[in-house]
C-alpha atoms as a PDB file:
ATOM      1  CA  UNK A   1     -29.775  34.515 -17.855  1.00  0.00           C
ATOM      2  CA  UNK A   2     -31.243  37.241 -20.017  1.00  0.00           C
ATOM      3  CA  UNK A   3     -31.649  40.617 -18.444  1.00  0.00           C
ATOM      4  CA  UNK A   4     -35.176  42.016 -18.519  1.00  0.00           C
ATOM      5  CA  UNK A   5     -36.129  42.747 -22.108  1.00  0.00           C
ATOM      6  CA  UNK A   6     -37.541  46.229 -21.813  1.00  0.00           C
ATOM      7  CA  UNK A   7     -40.440  48.306 -20.645  1.00  0.00           C
ATOM      8  CA  UNK A   8     -41.449  51.356 -22.599  1.00  0.00           C
ATOM      9  CA  UNK A   9     -42.385  54.773 -21.306  1.00  0.00           C
ATOM     10  CA  UNK A  10     -43.073  56.041 -24.825  1.00  0.00           C
ATOM     11  CA  UNK A  11     -46.452  57.708 -25.323  1.00  0.00           C
ATOM     12  CA  UNK A  12     -49.085  55.078 -26.023  1.00  0.00           C
ATOM     13  CA  UNK A  13     -50.595  54.679 -29.453  1.00  0.00           C
ATOM     14  CA  UNK A  14     -54.254  55.539 -29.864  1.00  0.00           C
ATOM     15  CA  UNK A  15     -54.900  51.818 -30.257  1.00  0.00           C
ATOM     16  CA  UNK A  16     -55.939  50.417 -26.844  1.00  0.00           C
ATOM     17  CA  UNK A  17     -54.127  47.154 -27.613  1.00  0.00           C
ATOM     18  CA  UNK A  18     -50.742  48.857 -27.883  1.00  0.00           C
ATOM     19  CA  UNK A  19     -51.484  50.930 -24.807  1.00  0.00           C
ATOM     20  CA  UNK A  20     -51.604  47.686 -22.832  1.00  0.00           C
ATOM     21  CA  UNK A  21     -48.555  46.263 -24.579  1.00  0.00           C
ATOM     22  CA  UNK A  22     -46.474  49.390 -23.998  1.00  0.00           C
ATOM     23  CA  UNK A  23     -47.085  49.190 -20.242  1.00  0.00           C
ATOM     24  CA  UNK A  24     -46.038  45.549 -19.977  1.00  0.00           C
ATOM     25  CA  UNK A  25     -42.696  44.700 -18.445  1.00  0.00           C
ATOM     26  CA  UNK A  26     -40.773  41.748 -19.818  1.00  0.00           C
ATOM     27  CA  UNK A  27     -39.379  39.494 -17.134  1.00  0.00           C
ATOM     28  CA  UNK A  28     -36.004  37.834 -17.330  1.00  0.00           C
ATOM     29  CA  UNK A  29     -35.913  34.539 -19.182  1.00  0.00           C
ATOM     30  CA  UNK A  30     -33.397  31.734 -19.217  1.00  0.00           C
ATOM     31  CA  UNK A  31     -32.033  30.503 -22.532  1.00  0.00           C
ATOM     32  CA  UNK A  32     -31.142  27.144 -21.042  1.00  0.00           C
ATOM     33  CA  UNK A  33     -33.608  25.439 -23.402  1.00  0.00           C
ATOM     34  CA  UNK A  34     -32.049  26.014 -26.801  1.00  0.00           C
ATOM     35  CA  UNK A  35     -34.465  25.992 -29.723  1.00  0.00           C
ATOM     36  CA  UNK A  36     -34.217  22.964 -31.985  1.00  0.00           C
ATOM     37  CA  UNK A  37     -34.274  24.643 -35.409  1.00  0.00           C
ATOM     38  CA  UNK A  38     -34.457  21.397 -37.388  1.00  0.00           C
ATOM     39  CA  UNK A  39     -37.702  21.127 -39.337  1.00  0.00           C
ATOM     40  CA  UNK A  40     -37.220  17.362 -39.534  1.00  0.00           C
ATOM     41  CA  UNK A  41     -36.866  16.797 -35.783  1.00  0.00           C
ATOM     42  CA  UNK A  42     -39.466  19.252 -34.524  1.00  0.00           C
ATOM     43  CA  UNK A  43     -43.035  17.915 -34.726  1.00  0.00           C
ATOM     44  CA  UNK A  44     -45.603  20.035 -36.559  1.00  0.00           C
ATOM     45  CA  UNK A  45     -49.263  19.643 -35.597  1.00  0.00           C
ATOM     46  CA  UNK A  46     -52.154  20.668 -37.850  1.00  0.00           C
ATOM     47  CA  UNK A  47     -54.959  21.808 -35.544  1.00  0.00           C
ATOM     48  CA  UNK A  48     -58.458  21.286 -36.963  1.00  0.00           C
ATOM     49  CA  UNK A  49     -60.635  19.779 -34.216  1.00  0.00           C
ATOM     50  CA  UNK A  50     -62.217  20.946 -30.974  1.00  0.00           C
ATOM     51  CA  UNK A  51     -60.234  18.423 -28.948  1.00  0.00           C
ATOM     52  CA  UNK A  52     -56.951  19.602 -30.465  1.00  0.00           C
ATOM     53  CA  UNK A  53     -57.826  23.203 -29.585  1.00  0.00           C
ATOM     54  CA  UNK A  54     -58.516  22.226 -25.991  1.00  0.00           C
ATOM     55  CA  UNK A  55     -55.141  20.498 -25.746  1.00  0.00           C
ATOM     56  CA  UNK A  56     -53.370  23.419 -27.403  1.00  0.00           C
ATOM     57  CA  UNK A  57     -54.876  25.889 -24.941  1.00  0.00           C
ATOM     58  CA  UNK A  58     -53.646  23.804 -22.007  1.00  0.00           C
ATOM     59  CA  UNK A  59     -50.207  23.361 -23.568  1.00  0.00           C
ATOM     60  CA  UNK A  60     -49.656  27.071 -24.275  1.00  0.00           C
ATOM     61  CA  UNK A  61     -50.466  27.902 -20.670  1.00  0.00           C
ATOM     62  CA  UNK A  62     -47.611  25.621 -19.592  1.00  0.00           C
ATOM     63  CA  UNK A  63     -44.806  27.324 -21.558  1.00  0.00           C
ATOM     64  CA  UNK A  64     -42.853  30.489 -20.777  1.00  0.00           C
ATOM     65  CA  UNK A  65     -42.930  31.900 -24.306  1.00  0.00           C
ATOM     66  CA  UNK A  66     -44.161  31.162 -27.801  1.00  0.00           C
ATOM     67  CA  UNK A  67     -43.918  32.710 -31.257  1.00  0.00           C
ATOM     68  CA  UNK A  68     -46.956  33.385 -33.412  1.00  0.00           C
ATOM     69  CA  UNK A  69     -47.963  34.665 -36.833  1.00  0.00           C
ATOM     70  CA  UNK A  70     -51.164  34.991 -38.851  1.00  0.00           C
ATOM     71  CA  UNK A  71     -52.088  34.518 -42.486  1.00  0.00           C
ATOM     72  CA  UNK A  72     -55.087  36.399 -43.814  1.00  0.00           C
ATOM     73  CA  UNK A  73     -56.775  37.296 -47.064  1.00  0.00           C
ATOM     74  CA  UNK A  74     -55.137  39.777 -49.403  1.00  0.00           C
ATOM     75  CA  UNK A  75     -56.402  43.395 -49.396  1.00  0.00           C
ATOM     76  CA  UNK A  76     -58.230  42.890 -52.712  1.00  0.00           C
ATOM     77  CA  UNK A  77     -60.073  39.780 -51.523  1.00  0.00           C
ATOM     78  CA  UNK A  78     -63.872  40.018 -51.334  1.00  0.00           C
ATOM     79  CA  UNK A  79     -63.807  39.295 -47.593  1.00  0.00           C
ATOM     80  CA  UNK A  80     -61.157  40.371 -45.107  1.00  0.00           C
ATOM     81  CA  UNK A  81     -60.545  37.595 -42.615  1.00  0.00           C
ATOM     82  CA  UNK A  82     -57.877  35.732 -40.701  1.00  0.00           C
ATOM     83  CA  UNK A  83     -57.304  32.280 -42.196  1.00  0.00           C
ATOM     84  CA  UNK A  84     -54.438  30.647 -40.339  1.00  0.00           C
ATOM     85  CA  UNK A  85     -52.583  30.972 -37.043  1.00  0.00           C
ATOM     86  CA  UNK A  86     -49.072  29.604 -36.644  1.00  0.00           C
ATOM     87  CA  UNK A  87     -47.541  29.046 -33.209  1.00  0.00           C
ATOM     88  CA  UNK A  88     -44.105  27.725 -32.273  1.00  0.00           C
ATOM     89  CA  UNK A  89     -42.787  26.770 -28.857  1.00  0.00           C
ATOM     90  CA  UNK A  90     -39.222  25.641 -28.233  1.00  0.00           C
ATOM     91  CA  UNK A  91     -40.158  22.059 -29.019  1.00  0.00           C
ATOM     92  CA  UNK A  92     -43.201  22.049 -31.314  1.00  0.00           C
ATOM     93  CA  UNK A  93     -44.877  23.877 -34.208  1.00  0.00           C
ATOM     94  CA  UNK A  94     -48.637  24.282 -34.612  1.00  0.00           C
ATOM     95  CA  UNK A  95     -50.647  25.233 -37.695  1.00  0.00           C
ATOM     96  CA  UNK A  96     -54.127  26.262 -36.540  1.00  0.00           C
ATOM     97  CA  UNK A  97     -56.817  26.161 -39.239  1.00  0.00           C
ATOM     98  CA  UNK A  98     -58.922  29.129 -38.178  1.00  0.00           C
ATOM     99  CA  UNK A  99     -61.370  28.675 -41.067  1.00  0.00           C
ATOM    100  CA  UNK A 100     -62.490  25.362 -39.590  1.00  0.00           C
ATOM    101  CA  UNK A 101     -65.642  26.108 -37.525  1.00  0.00           C
ATOM    102  CA  UNK A 102     -64.541  23.759 -34.722  1.00  0.00           C
ATOM    103  CA  UNK A 103     -61.354  25.783 -34.400  1.00  0.00           C
ATOM    104  CA  UNK A 104     -62.707  29.292 -34.997  1.00  0.00           C
ATOM    105  CA  UNK A 105     -65.462  28.827 -32.420  1.00  0.00           C
ATOM    106  CA  UNK A 106     -62.852  27.853 -29.833  1.00  0.00           C
ATOM    107  CA  UNK A 107     -60.260  30.577 -30.329  1.00  0.00           C
ATOM    108  CA  UNK A 108     -61.257  31.796 -26.866  1.00  0.00           C
ATOM    109  CA  UNK A 109     -59.380  28.773 -25.497  1.00  0.00           C
ATOM    110  CA  UNK A 110     -56.134  30.536 -26.468  1.00  0.00           C
ATOM    111  CA  UNK A 111     -57.116  33.860 -24.896  1.00  0.00           C
ATOM    112  CA  UNK A 112     -55.641  33.113 -21.478  1.00  0.00           C
ATOM    113  CA  UNK A 113     -52.224  32.206 -22.899  1.00  0.00           C
ATOM    114  CA  UNK A 114     -52.107  35.289 -25.137  1.00  0.00           C
ATOM    115  CA  UNK A 115     -53.125  37.600 -22.283  1.00  0.00           C
ATOM    116  CA  UNK A 116     -51.054  35.923 -19.554  1.00  0.00           C
ATOM    117  CA  UNK A 117     -48.356  38.437 -18.600  1.00  0.00           C
ATOM    118  CA  UNK A 118     -46.165  35.576 -17.405  1.00  0.00           C
ATOM    119  CA  UNK A 119     -45.924  34.160 -20.937  1.00  0.00           C
ATOM    120  CA  UNK A 120     -43.952  36.173 -23.497  1.00  0.00           C
ATOM    121  CA  UNK A 121     -45.372  36.253 -27.008  1.00  0.00           C
ATOM    122  CA  UNK A 122     -42.907  36.769 -29.864  1.00  0.00           C
ATOM    123  CA  UNK A 123     -43.847  38.132 -33.302  1.00  0.00           C
ATOM    124  CA  UNK A 124     -42.052  39.827 -36.194  1.00  0.00           C
ATOM    125  CA  UNK A 125     -43.971  43.079 -36.578  1.00  0.00           C
ATOM    126  CA  UNK A 126     -47.117  44.275 -34.836  1.00  0.00           C
ATOM    127  CA  UNK A 127     -49.768  43.912 -37.545  1.00  0.00           C
ATOM    128  CA  UNK A 128     -50.955  40.504 -36.353  1.00  0.00           C
ATOM    129  CA  UNK A 129     -51.568  41.901 -32.873  1.00  0.00           C
ATOM    130  CA  UNK A 130     -54.334  44.064 -34.341  1.00  0.00           C
ATOM    131  CA  UNK A 131     -55.880  41.145 -36.243  1.00  0.00           C
ATOM    132  CA  UNK A 132     -55.990  38.986 -33.100  1.00  0.00           C
ATOM    133  CA  UNK A 133     -57.797  41.727 -31.212  1.00  0.00           C
ATOM    134  CA  UNK A 134     -60.123  42.651 -34.069  1.00  0.00           C
ATOM    135  CA  UNK A 135     -61.202  39.152 -35.106  1.00  0.00           C
ATOM    136  CA  UNK A 136     -61.103  37.292 -31.784  1.00  0.00           C
ATOM    137  CA  UNK A 137     -61.045  39.890 -29.001  1.00  0.00           C
ATOM    138  CA  UNK A 138     -57.667  38.549 -27.887  1.00  0.00           C
ATOM    139  CA  UNK A 139     -54.987  40.913 -26.592  1.00  0.00           C
ATOM    140  CA  UNK A 140     -51.307  40.002 -26.881  1.00  0.00           C
ATOM    141  CA  UNK A 141     -49.579  40.823 -23.603  1.00  0.00           C
ATOM    142  CA  UNK A 142     -46.650  40.989 -23.270  1.00  0.00           C
ATOM    143  CA  UNK A 143     -45.318  41.174 -26.817  1.00  0.00           C
ATOM    144  CA  UNK A 144     -41.699  41.010 -27.890  1.00  0.00           C
ATOM    145  CA  UNK A 145     -41.550  42.274 -31.463  1.00  0.00           C
ATOM    146  CA  UNK A 146     -38.355  40.981 -33.113  1.00  0.00           C
ATOM    147  CA  UNK A 147     -38.691  43.689 -35.756  1.00  0.00           C
ATOM    148  CA  UNK A 148     -38.620  46.417 -33.118  1.00  0.00           C
ATOM    149  CA  UNK A 149     -35.903  44.850 -30.978  1.00  0.00           C
ATOM    150  CA  UNK A 150     -33.892  44.059 -34.096  1.00  0.00           C
ATOM    151  CA  UNK A 151     -34.072  47.708 -35.105  1.00  0.00           C
ATOM    152  CA  UNK A 152     -32.440  48.551 -31.793  1.00  0.00           C
ATOM    153  CA  UNK A 153     -29.240  47.030 -33.199  1.00  0.00           C
ATOM    154  CA  UNK A 154     -27.919  49.551 -35.699  1.00  0.00           C
ATOM    155  CA  UNK A 155     -26.161  46.832 -37.701  1.00  0.00           C
ATOM    156  CA  UNK A 156     -29.512  45.253 -38.570  1.00  0.00           C
ATOM    157  CA  UNK A 157     -31.429  48.351 -39.544  1.00  0.00           C
ATOM    158  CA  UNK A 158     -31.374  48.014 -43.325  1.00  0.00           C
ATOM    159  CA  UNK A 159     -34.166  45.800 -44.614  1.00  0.00           C
ATOM    160  CA  UNK A 160     -34.994  43.870 -41.454  1.00  0.00           C
ATOM    161  CA  UNK A 161     -37.288  41.394 -43.168  1.00  0.00           C
ATOM    162  CA  UNK A 162     -38.026  38.088 -41.479  1.00  0.00           C
ATOM    163  CA  UNK A 163     -35.843  36.345 -44.054  1.00  0.00           C
ATOM    164  CA  UNK A 164     -32.853  38.581 -43.279  1.00  0.00           C
ATOM    165  CA  UNK A 165     -33.354  38.316 -39.538  1.00  0.00           C
ATOM    166  CA  UNK A 166     -33.436  34.506 -39.620  1.00  0.00           C
ATOM    167  CA  UNK A 167     -30.483  34.356 -41.998  1.00  0.00           C
ATOM    168  CA  UNK A 168     -28.399  36.594 -39.738  1.00  0.00           C
ATOM    169  CA  UNK A 169     -29.400  35.031 -36.413  1.00  0.00           C
ATOM    170  CA  UNK A 170     -29.860  31.366 -37.359  1.00  0.00           C
ATOM    171  CA  UNK A 171     -27.834  30.982 -40.542  1.00  0.00           C
ATOM    172  CA  UNK A 172     -30.904  29.776 -42.454  1.00  0.00           C
ATOM    173  CA  UNK A 173     -32.429  31.254 -45.608  1.00  0.00           C
ATOM    174  CA  UNK A 174     -36.219  31.135 -45.779  1.00  0.00           C
ATOM    175  CA  UNK A 175     -36.353  32.135 -49.461  1.00  0.00           C
ATOM    176  CA  UNK A 176     -39.673  33.896 -49.076  1.00  0.00           C
ATOM    177  CA  UNK A 177     -40.952  34.770 -52.553  1.00  0.00           C
ATOM    178  CA  UNK A 178     -43.064  37.934 -52.660  1.00  0.00           C
ATOM    179  CA  UNK A 179     -44.398  37.026 -56.097  1.00  0.00           C
ATOM    180  CA  UNK A 180     -45.487  33.621 -54.821  1.00  0.00           C
ATOM    181  CA  UNK A 181     -47.220  34.828 -51.693  1.00  0.00           C
ATOM    182  CA  UNK A 182     -48.944  37.669 -53.571  1.00  0.00           C
ATOM    183  CA  UNK A 183     -51.002  35.094 -55.451  1.00  0.00           C
ATOM    184  CA  UNK A 184     -51.882  32.834 -52.519  1.00  0.00           C
ATOM    185  CA  UNK A 185     -55.506  32.466 -51.473  1.00  0.00           C
ATOM    186  CA  UNK A 186     -55.354  31.355 -47.837  1.00  0.00           C
ATOM    187  CA  UNK A 187     -59.090  30.610 -47.828  1.00  0.00           C
ATOM    188  CA  UNK A 188     -58.726  27.540 -50.057  1.00  0.00           C
ATOM    189  CA  UNK A 189     -58.696  24.117 -48.429  1.00  0.00           C
ATOM    190  CA  UNK A 190     -56.979  21.755 -48.206  1.00  0.00           C
ATOM    191  CA  UNK A 191     -53.710  23.644 -47.884  1.00  0.00           C
ATOM    192  CA  UNK A 192     -50.855  22.270 -49.952  1.00  0.00           C
ATOM    193  CA  UNK A 193     -47.721  20.979 -48.261  1.00  0.00           C
ATOM    194  CA  UNK A 194     -45.880  23.951 -49.760  1.00  0.00           C
ATOM    195  CA  UNK A 195     -48.228  26.440 -48.108  1.00  0.00           C
ATOM    196  CA  UNK A 196     -48.092  24.632 -44.784  1.00  0.00           C
ATOM    197  CA  UNK A 197     -44.296  24.744 -44.867  1.00  0.00           C
ATOM    198  CA  UNK A 198     -44.365  28.416 -45.890  1.00  0.00           C
ATOM    199  CA  UNK A 199     -46.624  29.228 -42.939  1.00  0.00           C
ATOM    200  CA  UNK A 200     -44.565  27.125 -40.535  1.00  0.00           C
ATOM    201  CA  UNK A 201     -41.370  28.971 -41.442  1.00  0.00           C
ATOM    202  CA  UNK A 202     -42.899  32.253 -40.238  1.00  0.00           C
ATOM    203  CA  UNK A 203     -42.609  31.135 -36.601  1.00  0.00           C
ATOM    204  CA  UNK A 204     -40.318  28.090 -36.487  1.00  0.00           C
ATOM    205  CA  UNK A 205     -37.096  30.114 -36.068  1.00  0.00           C
ATOM    206  CA  UNK A 206     -38.492  33.159 -34.234  1.00  0.00           C
ATOM    207  CA  UNK A 207     -37.637  32.094 -30.680  1.00  0.00           C
ATOM    208  CA  UNK A 208     -34.078  31.346 -31.740  1.00  0.00           C
ATOM    209  CA  UNK A 209     -33.874  34.765 -33.420  1.00  0.00           C
ATOM    210  CA  UNK A 210     -35.270  36.359 -30.259  1.00  0.00           C
ATOM    211  CA  UNK A 211     -32.549  34.671 -28.207  1.00  0.00           C
ATOM    212  CA  UNK A 212     -29.904  36.044 -30.554  1.00  0.00           C
ATOM    213  CA  UNK A 213     -30.983  39.671 -30.768  1.00  0.00           C
ATOM    214  CA  UNK A 214     -31.814  40.050 -27.072  1.00  0.00           C
ATOM    215  CA  UNK A 215     -28.435  38.570 -26.176  1.00  0.00           C
ATOM    216  CA  UNK A 216     -26.775  41.112 -28.471  1.00  0.00           C
ATOM    217  CA  UNK A 217     -28.480  43.941 -26.599  1.00  0.00           C
ATOM    218  CA  UNK A 218     -26.805  42.761 -23.407  1.00  0.00           C
ATOM    219  CA  UNK A 219     -23.470  43.685 -24.921  1.00  0.00           C
ATOM    220  CA  UNK A 220     -24.215  47.428 -24.895  1.00  0.00           C
ATOM    221  CA  UNK A 221     -24.496  49.709 -21.884  1.00  0.00           C
ATOM    222  CA  UNK A 222     -27.875  50.202 -20.219  1.00  0.00           C
ATOM    223  CA  UNK A 223     -28.329  53.879 -21.283  1.00  0.00           C
ATOM    224  CA  UNK A 224     -27.547  53.054 -24.915  1.00  0.00           C
ATOM    225  CA  UNK A 225     -29.816  50.007 -24.779  1.00  0.00           C
ATOM    226  CA  UNK A 226     -32.738  52.042 -23.443  1.00  0.00           C
ATOM    227  CA  UNK A 227     -32.131  54.795 -25.990  1.00  0.00           C
ATOM    228  CA  UNK A 228     -32.057  52.344 -28.893  1.00  0.00           C
ATOM    229  CA  UNK A 229     -35.210  50.562 -27.781  1.00  0.00           C
ATOM    230  CA  UNK A 230     -37.115  53.815 -27.305  1.00  0.00           C
ATOM    231  CA  UNK A 231     -36.067  55.011 -30.753  1.00  0.00           C
ATOM    232  CA  UNK A 232     -36.975  51.675 -32.306  1.00  0.00           C
ATOM    233  CA  UNK A 233     -40.420  51.635 -30.699  1.00  0.00           C
ATOM    234  CA  UNK A 234     -41.061  55.241 -31.720  1.00  0.00           C
ATOM    235  CA  UNK A 235     -40.098  54.399 -35.296  1.00  0.00           C
ATOM    236  CA  UNK A 236     -42.349  51.338 -35.372  1.00  0.00           C
ATOM    237  CA  UNK A 237     -45.336  53.190 -33.921  1.00  0.00           C
ATOM    238  CA  UNK A 238     -45.087  55.872 -36.593  1.00  0.00           C
ATOM    239  CA  UNK A 239     -44.327  53.381 -39.359  1.00  0.00           C
ATOM    240  CA  UNK A 240     -47.393  51.238 -38.663  1.00  0.00           C
ATOM    241  CA  UNK A 241     -49.677  54.254 -38.406  1.00  0.00           C
ATOM    242  CA  UNK A 242     -48.915  55.392 -41.975  1.00  0.00           C
ATOM    243  CA  UNK A 243     -50.145  54.211 -45.348  1.00  0.00           C
ATOM    244  CA  UNK A 244     -47.729  52.107 -47.402  1.00  0.00           C
ATOM    245  CA  UNK A 245     -46.613  55.021 -49.568  1.00  0.00           C
ATOM    246  CA  UNK A 246     -46.258  57.407 -46.640  1.00  0.00           C
ATOM    247  CA  UNK A 247     -44.411  54.756 -44.657  1.00  0.00           C
ATOM    248  CA  UNK A 248     -41.849  54.350 -47.428  1.00  0.00           C
ATOM    249  CA  UNK A 249     -41.270  58.104 -47.621  1.00  0.00           C
ATOM    250  CA  UNK A 250     -41.069  58.300 -43.849  1.00  0.00           C
ATOM    251  CA  UNK A 251     -38.517  55.484 -43.793  1.00  0.00           C
ATOM    252  CA  UNK A 252     -36.364  57.242 -46.414  1.00  0.00           C
ATOM    253  CA  UNK A 253     -36.386  60.488 -44.441  1.00  0.00           C
ATOM    254  CA  UNK A 254     -36.210  59.117 -40.929  1.00  0.00           C
ATOM    255  CA  UNK A 255     -33.824  56.178 -41.145  1.00  0.00           C
ATOM    256  CA  UNK A 256     -30.622  58.201 -41.731  1.00  0.00           C
ATOM    257  CA  UNK A 257     -31.439  60.339 -38.679  1.00  0.00           C
ATOM    258  CA  UNK A 258     -32.398  57.287 -36.641  1.00  0.00           C
ATOM    259  CA  UNK A 259     -29.218  55.399 -37.570  1.00  0.00           C
ATOM    260  CA  UNK A 260     -27.068  58.373 -36.594  1.00  0.00           C
ATOM    261  CA  UNK A 261     -28.835  58.566 -33.229  1.00  0.00           C
ATOM    262  CA  UNK A 262     -27.790  54.991 -32.458  1.00  0.00           C
ATOM    263  CA  UNK A 263     -24.164  56.114 -32.424  1.00  0.00           C
ATOM    264  CA  UNK A 264     -24.874  58.666 -29.708  1.00  0.00           C
ATOM    265  CA  UNK A 265     -23.863  57.393 -26.284  1.00  0.00           C
ATOM    266  CA  UNK A 266     -26.303  59.031 -23.897  1.00  0.00           C
END
């Protein structure tokens, strides 16, 4: 059994969404259902109809946790909008075509699952939490951010991209190409098989990675665990509140101090 993930007593961000998230307590979860990481064996469903959305809403309310990610237009696009939602449970992957009116008009059917405190949501980074709240009025409670929890392990601090996290925890390389994704227009339909696979990879391995990094935290003492998680959350809150350039400078200045603090047994 996993011990409880964590609850934060860090000062809340000015964003009301994170204020709710920071007060949430993660309950203990069993890892008895191992994630099947095979892309060939795990079914992937492309959600584009009202009926499929209804079934997805019911299904998500029946699981104990799921991973999610969003794809949206690039900053220089004429319209800023969310285009795709990816969700993975321990047995299935879902690609939700948010640009389809039948789907977009029924995003409220997923609200209960995303706001159910008995269902843990897993994401890599907190940006998509803001998009879900902004575009659909959906909060994400509770959230386990694998970026934040991964930062709590000093060995993983350098360059904790999704690719590196999955490679380290699952032994799989995603080979995410920044040059490729920089030119993708997620508003175009139909999506190519390559883009669907790219989107699917963002969540397919996340629950397995979550299992790995939370299990690693069990191997350190409770005071050190709490200290690391508080430092990680503080770092993430500041990092996401800065512009890209400021965030890079902040990372360069703060990371050496942060890494040294992880060695302090308090």
